[in-house]
PDB file of N, CA and C in Angstrom:
ATOM      1  N   MET A   1      -4.723  11.696  -2.390  1.00  0.00           N
ATOM      2  CA  MET A   1      -3.962  11.972  -1.273  1.00  0.00           C
ATOM      3  C   MET A   1      -2.430  11.532  -2.126  1.00  0.00           C
ATOM      4  N   SER A   2      -1.953  12.114  -1.650  1.00  0.00           N
ATOM      5  CA  SER A   2      -0.170  11.903  -2.085  1.00  0.00           C
ATOM      6  C   SER A   2       0.603  12.047  -0.799  1.00  0.00           C
ATOM      7  N   GLY A   3       1.469  11.563  -0.607  1.00  0.00           N
ATOM      8  CA  GLY A   3       2.732  11.988   0.612  1.00  0.00           C
ATOM      9  C   GLY A   3       3.190  10.385   0.460  1.00  0.00           C
ATOM     10  N   LYS A   4       3.897  10.200   1.629  1.00  0.00           N
ATOM     11  CA  LYS A   4       4.934   9.265   1.809  1.00  0.00           C
ATOM     12  C   LYS A   4       4.167   7.882   1.764  1.00  0.00           C
ATOM     13  N   LEU A   5       4.484   6.767   1.283  1.00  0.00           N
ATOM     14  CA  LEU A   5       4.131   5.597   1.504  1.00  0.00           C
ATOM     15  C   LEU A   5       3.682   5.104   2.935  1.00  0.00           C
ATOM     16  N   GLY A   6       4.318   5.488   3.824  1.00  0.00           N
ATOM     17  CA  GLY A   6       4.127   5.001   5.151  1.00  0.00           C
ATOM     18  C   GLY A   6       2.915   5.903   5.853  1.00  0.00           C
ATOM     19  N   ASP A   7       2.870   7.081   5.425  1.00  0.00           N
ATOM     20  CA  ASP A   7       1.796   7.747   5.670  1.00  0.00           C
ATOM     21  C   ASP A   7       0.427   7.569   4.757  1.00  0.00           C
ATOM     22  N   VAL A   8       0.372   7.023   3.751  1.00  0.00           N
ATOM     23  CA  VAL A   8      -0.330   6.198   3.045  1.00  0.00           C
ATOM     24  C   VAL A   8      -1.361   5.411   3.844  1.00  0.00           C
ATOM     25  N   LEU A   9      -0.295   4.161   4.131  1.00  0.00           N
ATOM     26  CA  LEU A   9      -0.575   2.793   4.610  1.00  0.00           C
ATOM     27  C   LEU A   9      -1.444   3.320   6.122  1.00  0.00           C
ATOM     28  N   ALA A  10      -0.607   4.127   6.750  1.00  0.00           N
ATOM     29  CA  ALA A  10      -1.534   4.480   8.325  1.00  0.00           C
ATOM     30  C   ALA A  10      -2.598   5.110   7.991  1.00  0.00           C
ATOM     31  N   ALA A  11      -3.020   5.701   6.894  1.00  0.00           N
ATOM     32  CA  ALA A  11      -4.654   6.543   6.816  1.00  0.00           C
ATOM     33  C   ALA A  11      -5.642   5.706   5.904  1.00  0.00           C
ATOM     34  N   VAL A  12      -4.854   4.329   5.615  1.00  0.00           N
ATOM     35  CA  VAL A  12      -5.900   3.415   4.565  1.00  0.00           C
ATOM     36  C   VAL A  12      -7.426   3.472   5.232  1.00  0.00           C
ATOM     37  N   TYR A  13      -8.148   3.686   6.113  1.00  0.00           N
ATOM     38  CA  TYR A  13      -8.770   3.345   6.531  1.00  0.00           C
ATOM     39  C   TYR A  13      -9.971   4.736   6.254  1.00  0.00           C
ATOM     40  N   SER A  14      -9.341   5.507   5.719  1.00  0.00           N
ATOM     41  CA  SER A  14      -9.671   7.027   5.493  1.00  0.00           C
ATOM     42  C   SER A  14      -9.602   7.365   3.764  1.00  0.00           C
ATOM     43  N   LEU A  15      -9.061   6.443   3.347  1.00  0.00           N
ATOM     44  CA  LEU A  15      -8.918   6.438   1.498  1.00  0.00           C
ATOM     45  C   LEU A  15      -9.821   6.109   0.826  1.00  0.00           C
ATOM     46  N   PRO A  16     -10.365   6.610  -0.461  1.00  0.00           N
ATOM     47  CA  PRO A  16     -11.612   6.500  -1.113  1.00  0.00           C
ATOM     48  C   PRO A  16     -11.325   4.932  -1.369  1.00  0.00           C
ATOM     49  N   ILE A  17     -12.397   4.541  -0.927  1.00  0.00           N
ATOM     50  CA  ILE A  17     -12.657   2.916  -1.550  1.00  0.00           C
ATOM     51  C   ILE A  17     -12.214   2.518  -2.799  1.00  0.00           C
ATOM     52  N   GLY A  18     -12.647   3.513  -3.874  1.00  0.00           N
ATOM     53  CA  GLY A  18     -12.521   3.432  -5.345  1.00  0.00           C
ATOM     54  C   GLY A  18     -10.899   3.835  -5.726  1.00  0.00           C
ATOM     55  N   GLY A  19     -10.268   3.915  -4.716  1.00  0.00           N
ATOM     56  CA  GLY A  19      -8.681   4.503  -4.884  1.00  0.00           C
ATOM     57  C   GLY A  19      -7.865   3.540  -5.749  1.00  0.00           C
ATOM     58  N   ARG A  20      -6.608   4.086  -6.082  1.00  0.00           N
ATOM     59  CA  ARG A  20      -5.749   3.427  -6.367  1.00  0.00           C
ATOM     60  C   ARG A  20      -4.110   3.936  -6.271  1.00  0.00           C
ATOM     61  N   LEU A  21      -3.278   2.934  -5.761  1.00  0.00           N
ATOM     62  CA  LEU A  21      -2.271   3.206  -5.240  1.00  0.00           C
ATOM     63  C   LEU A  21      -1.216   3.484  -6.136  1.00  0.00           C
ATOM     64  N   TYR A  22      -0.617   4.259  -6.239  1.00  0.00           N
ATOM     65  CA  TYR A  22       0.565   4.607  -7.506  1.00  0.00           C
ATOM     66  C   TYR A  22       2.002   5.065  -6.730  1.00  0.00           C
ATOM     67  N   VAL A  23       3.135   4.463  -6.731  1.00  0.00           N
ATOM     68  CA  VAL A  23       4.212   5.454  -6.478  1.00  0.00           C
ATOM     69  C   VAL A  23       5.434   5.350  -7.243  1.00  0.00           C
ATOM     70  N   LYS A  24       6.390   6.468  -6.518  1.00  0.00           N
ATOM     71  CA  LYS A  24       7.704   6.476  -7.492  1.00  0.00           C
ATOM     72  C   LYS A  24       8.718   5.725  -7.083  1.00  0.00           C
ATOM     73  N   GLY A  25       9.369   4.944  -8.176  1.00  0.00           N
ATOM     74  CA  GLY A  25      10.369   4.125  -7.812  1.00  0.00           C
ATOM     75  C   GLY A  25      10.148   2.598  -7.444  1.00  0.00           C
ATOM     76  N   ALA A  26      11.507   1.961  -7.652  1.00  0.00           N
ATOM     77  CA  ALA A  26      11.221   0.573  -7.899  1.00  0.00           C
ATOM     78  C   ALA A  26      11.158  -0.212  -6.637  1.00  0.00           C
ATOM     79  N   HIS A  27      10.569  -1.454  -6.548  1.00  0.00           N
ATOM     80  CA  HIS A  27      10.040  -1.923  -5.616  1.00  0.00           C
ATOM     81  C   HIS A  27      11.495  -2.675  -4.845  1.00  0.00           C
ATOM     82  N   PRO A  28      11.710  -2.879  -3.666  1.00  0.00           N
ATOM     83  CA  PRO A  28      11.237  -2.669  -2.799  1.00  0.00           C
ATOM     84  C   PRO A  28      10.869  -1.289  -2.050  1.00  0.00           C
ATOM     85  N   TRP A  29       9.774  -1.084  -1.767  1.00  0.00           N
ATOM     86  CA  TRP A  29       9.661   0.468  -1.305  1.00  0.00           C
ATOM     87  C   TRP A  29       9.606   0.678  -0.082  1.00  0.00           C
ATOM     88  N   ASN A  30       9.933   1.823   0.442  1.00  0.00           N
ATOM     89  CA  ASN A  30       9.994   2.154   2.123  1.00  0.00           C
ATOM     90  C   ASN A  30       8.934   2.993   2.558  1.00  0.00           C
ATOM     91  N   ARG A  31       8.903   3.426   3.714  1.00  0.00           N
ATOM     92  CA  ARG A  31       8.149   4.240   4.311  1.00  0.00           C
ATOM     93  C   ARG A  31       8.064   5.864   3.793  1.00  0.00           C
ATOM     94  N   GLU A  32       9.474   6.113   3.682  1.00  0.00           N
ATOM     95  CA  GLU A  32       9.674   7.215   2.460  1.00  0.00           C
ATOM     96  C   GLU A  32       9.069   7.387   1.466  1.00  0.00           C
ATOM     97  N   THR A  33       8.926   6.446   0.601  1.00  0.00           N
ATOM     98  CA  THR A  33       8.539   6.161  -0.876  1.00  0.00           C
ATOM     99  C   THR A  33       7.242   7.171  -1.204  1.00  0.00           C
ATOM    100  N   PRO A  34       7.649   8.295  -2.225  1.00  0.00           N
ATOM    101  CA  PRO A  34       6.177   8.888  -2.637  1.00  0.00           C
ATOM    102  C   PRO A  34       5.184   8.196  -3.374  1.00  0.00           C
ATOM    103  N   ALA A  35       4.428   8.632  -2.816  1.00  0.00           N
ATOM    104  CA  ALA A  35       2.948   7.801  -3.025  1.00  0.00           C
ATOM    105  C   ALA A  35       1.832   8.552  -3.181  1.00  0.00           C
ATOM    106  N   TRP A  36       1.262   7.892  -4.273  1.00  0.00           N
ATOM    107  CA  TRP A  36      -0.261   8.645  -4.596  1.00  0.00           C
ATOM    108  C   TRP A  36      -1.291   7.717  -4.539  1.00  0.00           C
ATOM    109  N   VAL A  37      -2.381   8.296  -3.809  1.00  0.00           N
ATOM    110  CA  VAL A  37      -3.670   7.414  -4.363  1.00  0.00           C
ATOM    111  C   VAL A  37      -5.121   8.318  -5.029  1.00  0.00           C
ATOM    112  N   LEU A  38      -5.033   7.797  -6.250  1.00  0.00           N
ATOM    113  CA  LEU A  38      -5.759   8.606  -7.156  1.00  0.00           C
ATOM    114  C   LEU A  38      -7.139   7.933  -7.513  1.00  0.00           C
ATOM    115  N   GLU A  39      -8.301   8.472  -7.821  1.00  0.00           N
ATOM    116  CA  GLU A  39      -9.476   8.048  -7.863  1.00  0.00           C
ATOM    117  C   GLU A  39      -9.830   8.302  -9.192  1.00  0.00           C
ATOM    118  N   VAL A  40      -9.652   6.982 -10.195  1.00  0.00           N
ATOM    119  CA  VAL A  40      -9.724   7.014 -11.649  1.00  0.00           C
ATOM    120  C   VAL A  40     -10.650   6.072 -12.242  1.00  0.00           C
ATOM    121  N   GLU A  41     -11.414   6.721 -13.508  1.00  0.00           N
ATOM    122  CA  GLU A  41     -12.628   5.870 -13.789  1.00  0.00           C
ATOM    123  C   GLU A  41     -11.756   4.681 -14.526  1.00  0.00           C
ATOM    124  N   GLU A  42     -12.677   3.605 -14.680  1.00  0.00           N
ATOM    125  CA  GLU A  42     -12.235   2.506 -15.357  1.00  0.00           C
ATOM    126  C   GLU A  42     -11.289   3.054 -16.831  1.00  0.00           C
ATOM    127  N   GLU A  43     -12.452   3.623 -17.673  1.00  0.00           N
ATOM    128  CA  GLU A  43     -11.998   3.762 -18.972  1.00  0.00           C
ATOM    129  C   GLU A  43     -10.784   4.658 -19.247  1.00  0.00           C
ATOM    130  N   GLU A  44     -10.645   5.071 -18.143  1.00  0.00           N
ATOM    131  CA  GLU A  44      -9.479   6.226 -18.306  1.00  0.00           C
ATOM    132  C   GLU A  44      -8.046   5.066 -17.542  1.00  0.00           C
ATOM    133  N   LEU A  45      -7.986   4.174 -17.553  1.00  0.00           N
ATOM    134  CA  LEU A  45      -6.874   3.387 -17.344  1.00  0.00           C
ATOM    135  C   LEU A  45      -6.406   2.410 -18.399  1.00  0.00           C
ATOM    136  N   GLY A  46      -4.826   2.517 -18.320  1.00  0.00           N
ATOM    137  CA  GLY A  46      -4.294   2.055 -19.351  1.00  0.00           C
ATOM    138  C   GLY A  46      -4.296   0.299 -19.110  1.00  0.00           C
ATOM    139  N   LEU A  47      -3.463  -0.549 -19.782  1.00  0.00           N
ATOM    140  CA  LEU A  47      -3.019  -1.630 -19.675  1.00  0.00           C
ATOM    141  C   LEU A  47      -2.793  -2.080 -18.389  1.00  0.00           C
ATOM    142  N   ASN A  48      -1.420  -1.275 -17.643  1.00  0.00           N
ATOM    143  CA  ASN A  48      -1.080  -2.115 -16.271  1.00  0.00           C
ATOM    144  C   ASN A  48      -1.521  -0.549 -15.309  1.00  0.00           C
ATOM    145  N   GLY A  49      -3.054  -0.353 -15.616  1.00  0.00           N
ATOM    146  CA  GLY A  49      -3.247   0.708 -14.610  1.00  0.00           C
ATOM    147  C   GLY A  49      -2.876   2.122 -14.800  1.00  0.00           C
ATOM    148  N   GLU A  50      -1.904   2.095 -15.872  1.00  0.00           N
ATOM    149  CA  GLU A  50      -1.215   3.668 -15.828  1.00  0.00           C
ATOM    150  C   GLU A  50      -2.626   4.319 -16.326  1.00  0.00           C
ATOM    151  N   THR A  51      -2.498   5.609 -16.131  1.00  0.00           N
ATOM    152  CA  THR A  51      -3.333   7.104 -16.257  1.00  0.00           C
ATOM    153  C   THR A  51      -2.167   7.739 -16.950  1.00  0.00           C
ATOM    154  N   GLU A  52      -2.946   9.136 -17.543  1.00  0.00           N
ATOM    155  CA  GLU A  52      -2.030  10.038 -17.856  1.00  0.00           C
ATOM    156  C   GLU A  52      -1.069  10.773 -16.965  1.00  0.00           C
ATOM    157  N   PHE A  53      -1.689  10.788 -15.794  1.00  0.00           N
ATOM    158  CA  PHE A  53      -1.256  11.563 -14.475  1.00  0.00           C
ATOM    159  C   PHE A  53      -0.029  10.661 -14.332  1.00  0.00           C
ATOM    160  N   SER A  54      -0.417   9.235 -14.174  1.00  0.00           N
ATOM    161  CA  SER A  54       0.716   8.366 -13.709  1.00  0.00           C
ATOM    162  C   SER A  54       2.146   8.348 -14.856  1.00  0.00           C
ATOM    163  N   LYS A  55       1.523   8.132 -15.826  1.00  0.00           N
ATOM    164  CA  LYS A  55       2.614   8.025 -16.872  1.00  0.00           C
ATOM    165  C   LYS A  55       3.235   9.783 -16.830  1.00  0.00           C
ATOM    166  N   GLN A  56       2.949  10.793 -16.907  1.00  0.00           N
ATOM    167  CA  GLN A  56       3.321  12.283 -16.847  1.00  0.00           C
ATOM    168  C   GLN A  56       4.350  12.349 -15.641  1.00  0.00           C
ATOM    169  N   HIS A  57       4.046  11.601 -14.606  1.00  0.00           N
ATOM    170  CA  HIS A  57       4.851  11.954 -13.477  1.00  0.00           C
ATOM    171  C   HIS A  57       6.196  10.633 -12.975  1.00  0.00           C
ATOM    172  N   GLY A  58       5.646   9.268 -13.965  1.00  0.00           N
ATOM    173  CA  GLY A  58       6.503   8.180 -13.876  1.00  0.00           C
ATOM    174  C   GLY A  58       6.363   7.605 -12.611  1.00  0.00           C
ATOM    175  N   LEU A  59       4.914   7.575 -12.467  1.00  0.00           N
ATOM    176  CA  LEU A  59       4.380   6.673 -11.435  1.00  0.00           C
ATOM    177  C   LEU A  59       4.069   5.125 -11.551  1.00  0.00           C
ATOM    178  N   LYS A  60       4.207   4.405 -10.598  1.00  0.00           N
ATOM    179  CA  LYS A  60       3.759   2.972 -11.071  1.00  0.00           C
ATOM    180  C   LYS A  60       2.656   2.642 -10.558  1.00  0.00           C
ATOM    181  N   TYR A  61       1.882   1.818 -11.007  1.00  0.00           N
ATOM    182  CA  TYR A  61       0.554   1.447 -10.235  1.00  0.00           C
ATOM    183  C   TYR A  61       0.664   0.375  -9.552  1.00  0.00           C
ATOM    184  N   VAL A  62       0.046   0.167  -8.127  1.00  0.00           N
ATOM    185  CA  VAL A  62       0.757  -0.896  -7.150  1.00  0.00           C
ATOM    186  C   VAL A  62      -0.693  -1.978  -7.125  1.00  0.00           C
ATOM    187  N   PHE A  63      -1.674  -1.151  -6.518  1.00  0.00           N
ATOM    188  CA  PHE A  63      -3.098  -1.970  -6.102  1.00  0.00           C
ATOM    189  C   PHE A  63      -4.062  -1.083  -6.186  1.00  0.00           C
ATOM    190  N   PRO A  64      -5.555  -1.569  -5.922  1.00  0.00           N
ATOM    191  CA  PRO A  64      -6.097  -0.878  -5.684  1.00  0.00           C
ATOM    192  C   PRO A  64      -6.373  -0.695  -4.289  1.00  0.00           C
ATOM    193  N   VAL A  65      -7.325   0.500  -3.419  1.00  0.00           N
ATOM    194  CA  VAL A  65      -7.267   0.594  -2.167  1.00  0.00           C
ATOM    195  C   VAL A  65      -7.858  -0.719  -1.450  1.00  0.00           C
ATOM    196  N   VAL A  66      -8.776  -1.539  -2.186  1.00  0.00           N
ATOM    197  CA  VAL A  66      -9.359  -2.534  -1.363  1.00  0.00           C
ATOM    198  C   VAL A  66      -8.171  -3.642  -1.039  1.00  0.00           C
ATOM    199  N   ASP A  67      -7.292  -3.487  -2.224  1.00  0.00           N
ATOM    200  CA  ASP A  67      -6.189  -4.478  -1.532  1.00  0.00           C
ATOM    201  C   ASP A  67      -5.567  -3.911  -0.065  1.00  0.00           C
ATOM    202  N   LEU A  68      -5.370  -2.698  -0.336  1.00  0.00           N
ATOM    203  CA  LEU A  68      -4.612  -2.224   0.637  1.00  0.00           C
ATOM    204  C   LEU A  68      -5.230  -2.526   2.242  1.00  0.00           C
ATOM    205  N   LEU A  69      -6.506  -2.356   1.916  1.00  0.00           N
ATOM    206  CA  LEU A  69      -7.047  -2.164   3.402  1.00  0.00           C
ATOM    207  C   LEU A  69      -7.141  -3.939   3.649  1.00  0.00           C
ATOM    208  N   GLN A  70      -7.099  -4.843   2.645  1.00  0.00           N
ATOM    209  CA  GLN A  70      -6.819  -6.468   3.282  1.00  0.00           C
ATOM    210  C   GLN A  70      -5.489  -6.580   3.481  1.00  0.00           C
ATOM    211  N   ILE A  71      -4.336  -5.948   3.118  1.00  0.00           N
ATOM    212  CA  ILE A  71      -2.816  -5.984   3.908  1.00  0.00           C
ATOM    213  C   ILE A  71      -3.128  -5.448   5.238  1.00  0.00           C
ATOM    214  N   VAL A  72      -3.638  -4.190   5.418  1.00  0.00           N
ATOM    215  CA  VAL A  72      -3.844  -3.971   6.940  1.00  0.00           C
ATOM    216  C   VAL A  72      -4.386  -4.447   7.636  1.00  0.00           C
ATOM    217  N   VAL A  73      -5.322  -4.999   7.589  1.00  0.00           N
ATOM    218  CA  VAL A  73      -6.233  -5.640   7.938  1.00  0.00           C
ATOM    219  C   VAL A  73      -6.060  -7.260   8.599  1.00  0.00           C
ATOM    220  N   TYR A  74      -5.148  -8.069   7.613  1.00  0.00           N
ATOM    221  CA  TYR A  74      -4.607  -9.425   7.803  1.00  0.00           C
ATOM    222  C   TYR A  74      -3.372  -8.741   8.781  1.00  0.00           C
ATOM    223  N   ALA A  75      -2.304  -7.885   8.532  1.00  0.00           N
ATOM    224  CA  ALA A  75      -1.737  -7.481   9.539  1.00  0.00           C
ATOM    225  C   ALA A  75      -2.034  -7.330  11.257  1.00  0.00           C
ATOM    226  N   GLU A  76      -3.086  -6.195  11.276  1.00  0.00           N
ATOM    227  CA  GLU A  76      -3.931  -6.064  12.361  1.00  0.00           C
ATOM    228  C   GLU A  76      -4.117  -7.220  13.025  1.00  0.00           C
ATOM    229  N   GLN A  77      -4.893  -8.606  12.407  1.00  0.00           N
ATOM    230  CA  GLN A  77      -5.301  -9.842  13.019  1.00  0.00           C
ATOM    231  C   GLN A  77      -4.010 -10.353  13.805  1.00  0.00           C
ATOM    232  N   GLN A  78      -2.709 -10.465  13.408  1.00  0.00           N
ATOM    233  CA  GLN A  78      -1.716 -10.831  13.851  1.00  0.00           C
ATOM    234  C   GLN A  78      -1.056 -10.111  14.893  1.00  0.00           C
ATOM    235  N   VAL A  79      -1.177  -8.841  14.749  1.00  0.00           N
ATOM    236  CA  VAL A  79      -0.618  -7.714  15.881  1.00  0.00           C
ATOM    237  C   VAL A  79      -1.453  -6.565  16.015  1.00  0.00           C
ATOM    238  N   SER A  80      -1.787  -6.153  17.064  1.00  0.00           N
ATOM    239  CA  SER A  80      -2.740  -5.640  17.576  1.00  0.00           C
ATOM    240  C   SER A  80      -2.489  -4.364  16.728  1.00  0.00           C
ATOM    241  N   LYS A  81      -1.107  -3.522  16.882  1.00  0.00           N
ATOM    242  CA  LYS A  81      -0.917  -2.325  16.366  1.00  0.00           C
ATOM    243  C   LYS A  81       0.292  -2.407  15.488  1.00  0.00           C
ATOM    244  N   PRO A  82       0.277  -2.744  14.290  1.00  0.00           N
ATOM    245  CA  PRO A  82       1.639  -3.092  13.407  1.00  0.00           C
ATOM    246  C   PRO A  82       2.149  -1.523  13.513  1.00  0.00           C
ATOM    247  N   THR A  83       3.050  -1.559  13.353  1.00  0.00           N
ATOM    248  CA  THR A  83       4.072  -0.306  12.769  1.00  0.00           C
ATOM    249  C   THR A  83       3.904  -0.012  11.407  1.00  0.00           C
ATOM    250  N   VAL A  84       4.447   1.202  11.248  1.00  0.00           N
ATOM    251  CA  VAL A  84       4.346   1.751   9.782  1.00  0.00           C
ATOM    252  C   VAL A  84       5.279   0.599   8.730  1.00  0.00           C
ATOM    253  N   ASN A  85       6.541   0.623   9.410  1.00  0.00           N
ATOM    254  CA  ASN A  85       7.430  -0.242   8.643  1.00  0.00           C
ATOM    255  C   ASN A  85       6.576  -1.638   8.907  1.00  0.00           C
ATOM    256  N   GLN A  86       6.087  -2.467   9.735  1.00  0.00           N
ATOM    257  CA  GLN A  86       5.509  -3.694   9.111  1.00  0.00           C
ATOM    258  C   GLN A  86       4.641  -3.719   8.250  1.00  0.00           C
ATOM    259  N   LEU A  87       3.821  -2.286   8.163  1.00  0.00           N
ATOM    260  CA  LEU A  87       2.821  -2.472   7.096  1.00  0.00           C
ATOM    261  C   LEU A  87       3.537  -2.422   5.932  1.00  0.00           C
ATOM    262  N   VAL A  88       4.315  -1.390   5.701  1.00  0.00           N
ATOM    263  CA  VAL A  88       5.387  -1.129   4.224  1.00  0.00           C
ATOM    264  C   VAL A  88       5.810  -2.830   3.704  1.00  0.00           C
ATOM    265  N   GLU A  89       6.415  -3.531   4.778  1.00  0.00           N
ATOM    266  CA  GLU A  89       6.812  -4.690   4.655  1.00  0.00           C
ATOM    267  C   GLU A  89       5.723  -5.723   4.395  1.00  0.00           C
ATOM    268  N   SER A  90       4.493  -5.704   4.910  1.00  0.00           N
ATOM    269  CA  SER A  90       3.823  -6.568   4.358  1.00  0.00           C
ATOM    270  C   SER A  90       3.148  -6.001   2.837  1.00  0.00           C
ATOM    271  N   LEU A  91       3.233  -4.952   2.828  1.00  0.00           N
ATOM    272  CA  LEU A  91       2.825  -4.688   1.327  1.00  0.00           C
ATOM    273  C   LEU A  91       3.860  -5.010   0.277  1.00  0.00           C
ATOM    274  N   ASN A  92       5.606  -4.776   0.602  1.00  0.00           N
ATOM    275  CA  ASN A  92       6.035  -5.420  -0.325  1.00  0.00           C
ATOM    276  C   ASN A  92       6.501  -6.937  -0.451  1.00  0.00           C
ATOM    277  N   TYR A  93       5.751  -7.598   0.651  1.00  0.00           N
ATOM    278  CA  TYR A  93       5.557  -8.895   0.494  1.00  0.00           C
ATOM    279  C   TYR A  93       4.996  -9.599  -0.356  1.00  0.00           C
ATOM    280  N   TYR A  94       3.590  -8.897  -0.008  1.00  0.00           N
ATOM    281  CA  TYR A  94       1.937  -9.253  -0.835  1.00  0.00           C
ATOM    282  C   TYR A  94       2.528  -8.910  -2.577  1.00  0.00           C
ATOM    283  N   TYR A  95       2.849  -7.685  -2.690  1.00  0.00           N
ATOM    284  CA  TYR A  95       3.448  -6.991  -4.363  1.00  0.00           C
ATOM    285  C   TYR A  95       4.217  -8.501  -4.627  1.00  0.00           C
ATOM    286  N   LYS A  96       5.144  -8.812  -4.146  1.00  0.00           N
ATOM    287  CA  LYS A  96       6.200  -9.612  -4.782  1.00  0.00           C
ATOM    288  C   LYS A  96       5.554 -11.086  -4.711  1.00  0.00           C
ATOM    289  N   TYR A  97       4.978 -11.662  -3.669  1.00  0.00           N
ATOM    290  CA  TYR A  97       4.527 -12.827  -3.442  1.00  0.00           C
ATOM    291  C   TYR A  97       2.987 -13.223  -4.034  1.00  0.00           C
ATOM    292  N   ASP A  98       2.153 -12.388  -3.615  1.00  0.00           N
ATOM    293  CA  ASP A  98       0.859 -12.472  -4.051  1.00  0.00           C
ATOM    294  C   ASP A  98       0.363 -13.213  -2.898  1.00  0.00           C
ATOM    295  N   ALA A  99       0.580 -12.793  -1.688  1.00  0.00           N
ATOM    296  CA  ALA A  99       0.329 -13.516  -0.124  1.00  0.00           C
ATOM    297  C   ALA A  99       0.799 -12.643   0.804  1.00  0.00           C
ATOM    298  N   PHE A 100       0.039 -13.110   1.724  1.00  0.00           N
ATOM    299  CA  PHE A 100      -0.100 -12.115   3.022  1.00  0.00           C
ATOM    300  C   PHE A 100       1.437 -12.585   3.890  1.00  0.00           C
ATOM    301  N   LEU A 101       1.706 -11.451   4.213  1.00  0.00           N
ATOM    302  CA  LEU A 101       3.303 -12.160   5.147  1.00  0.00           C
ATOM    303  C   LEU A 101       2.733 -12.308   6.766  1.00  0.00           C
ATOM    304  N   GLU A 102       2.981 -13.550   6.935  1.00  0.00           N
ATOM    305  CA  GLU A 102       2.894 -13.431   8.674  1.00  0.00           C
ATOM    306  C   GLU A 102       3.917 -12.947   9.390  1.00  0.00           C
ATOM    307  N   LEU A 103       3.394 -11.974   9.970  1.00  0.00           N
ATOM    308  CA  LEU A 103       4.432 -11.048  11.133  1.00  0.00           C
ATOM    309  C   LEU A 103       4.468 -12.136  12.340  1.00  0.00           C
ATOM    310  N   PRO A 104       5.405 -11.506  12.714  1.00  0.00           N
ATOM    311  CA  PRO A 104       6.472 -12.580  13.818  1.00  0.00           C
ATOM    312  C   PRO A 104       5.346 -11.829  15.216  1.00  0.00           C
ATOM    313  N   LYS A 105       5.143 -12.945  15.956  1.00  0.00           N
ATOM    314  CA  LYS A 105       4.183 -12.591  17.440  1.00  0.00           C
ATOM    315  C   LYS A 105       5.175 -12.188  18.093  1.00  0.00           C
ATOM    316  N   VAL A 106       4.950 -10.746  18.805  1.00  0.00           N
ATOM    317  CA  VAL A 106       5.373 -10.517  19.976  1.00  0.00           C
ATOM    318  C   VAL A 106       5.006 -11.134  21.598  1.00  0.00           C
ATOM    319  N   ASP A 107       6.015 -11.629  22.227  1.00  0.00           N
ATOM    320  CA  ASP A 107       5.496 -12.377  23.337  1.00  0.00           C
ATOM    321  C   ASP A 107       5.139 -11.412  24.339  1.00  0.00           C
ATOM    322  N   GLU A 108       3.667 -11.045  24.891  1.00  0.00           N
ATOM    323  CA  GLU A 108       3.045 -10.194  25.689  1.00  0.00           C
ATOM    324  C   GLU A 108       3.967 -10.065  27.157  1.00  0.00           C
ATOM    325  N   ALA A 109       4.158 -11.108  27.386  1.00  0.00           N
ATOM    326  CA  ALA A 109       4.999 -11.171  28.898  1.00  0.00           C
ATOM    327  C   ALA A 109       6.361 -10.209  28.633  1.00  0.00           C
ATOM    328  N   LYS A 110       7.138 -10.595  27.677  1.00  0.00           N
ATOM    329  CA  LYS A 110       8.275  -9.754  27.507  1.00  0.00           C
ATOM    330  C   LYS A 110       8.094  -8.425  27.368  1.00  0.00           C
ATOM    331  N   ASN A 111       6.802  -7.666  26.997  1.00  0.00           N
ATOM    332  CA  ASN A 111       6.911  -6.051  26.930  1.00  0.00           C
ATOM    333  C   ASN A 111       6.753  -5.592  28.585  1.00  0.00           C
TER     334      ASN A 111
END
């Protein structure tokens, strides 16, 4: 799968469980960041998760899909329907701090 990072995160439940996320551009990323999910055999990976395809296209390895699932599930445990922007913010936070982002709770009475 390739497209925008926001679309990839929104489709996380349909991504191949053995896939790996690659992006183009520097961190922090946004919902429009070009993103690819590649299924790559372990023996084809370089030291930092790079592949021939990622090197040829200037892509950076971010996480395996399993980690993306954990990030999305954690966000969904805090907010019933996290926005794409919240998912991207959660991904950026996890990438930078190796920890889950605590999303602000929305007061149901105010909605």
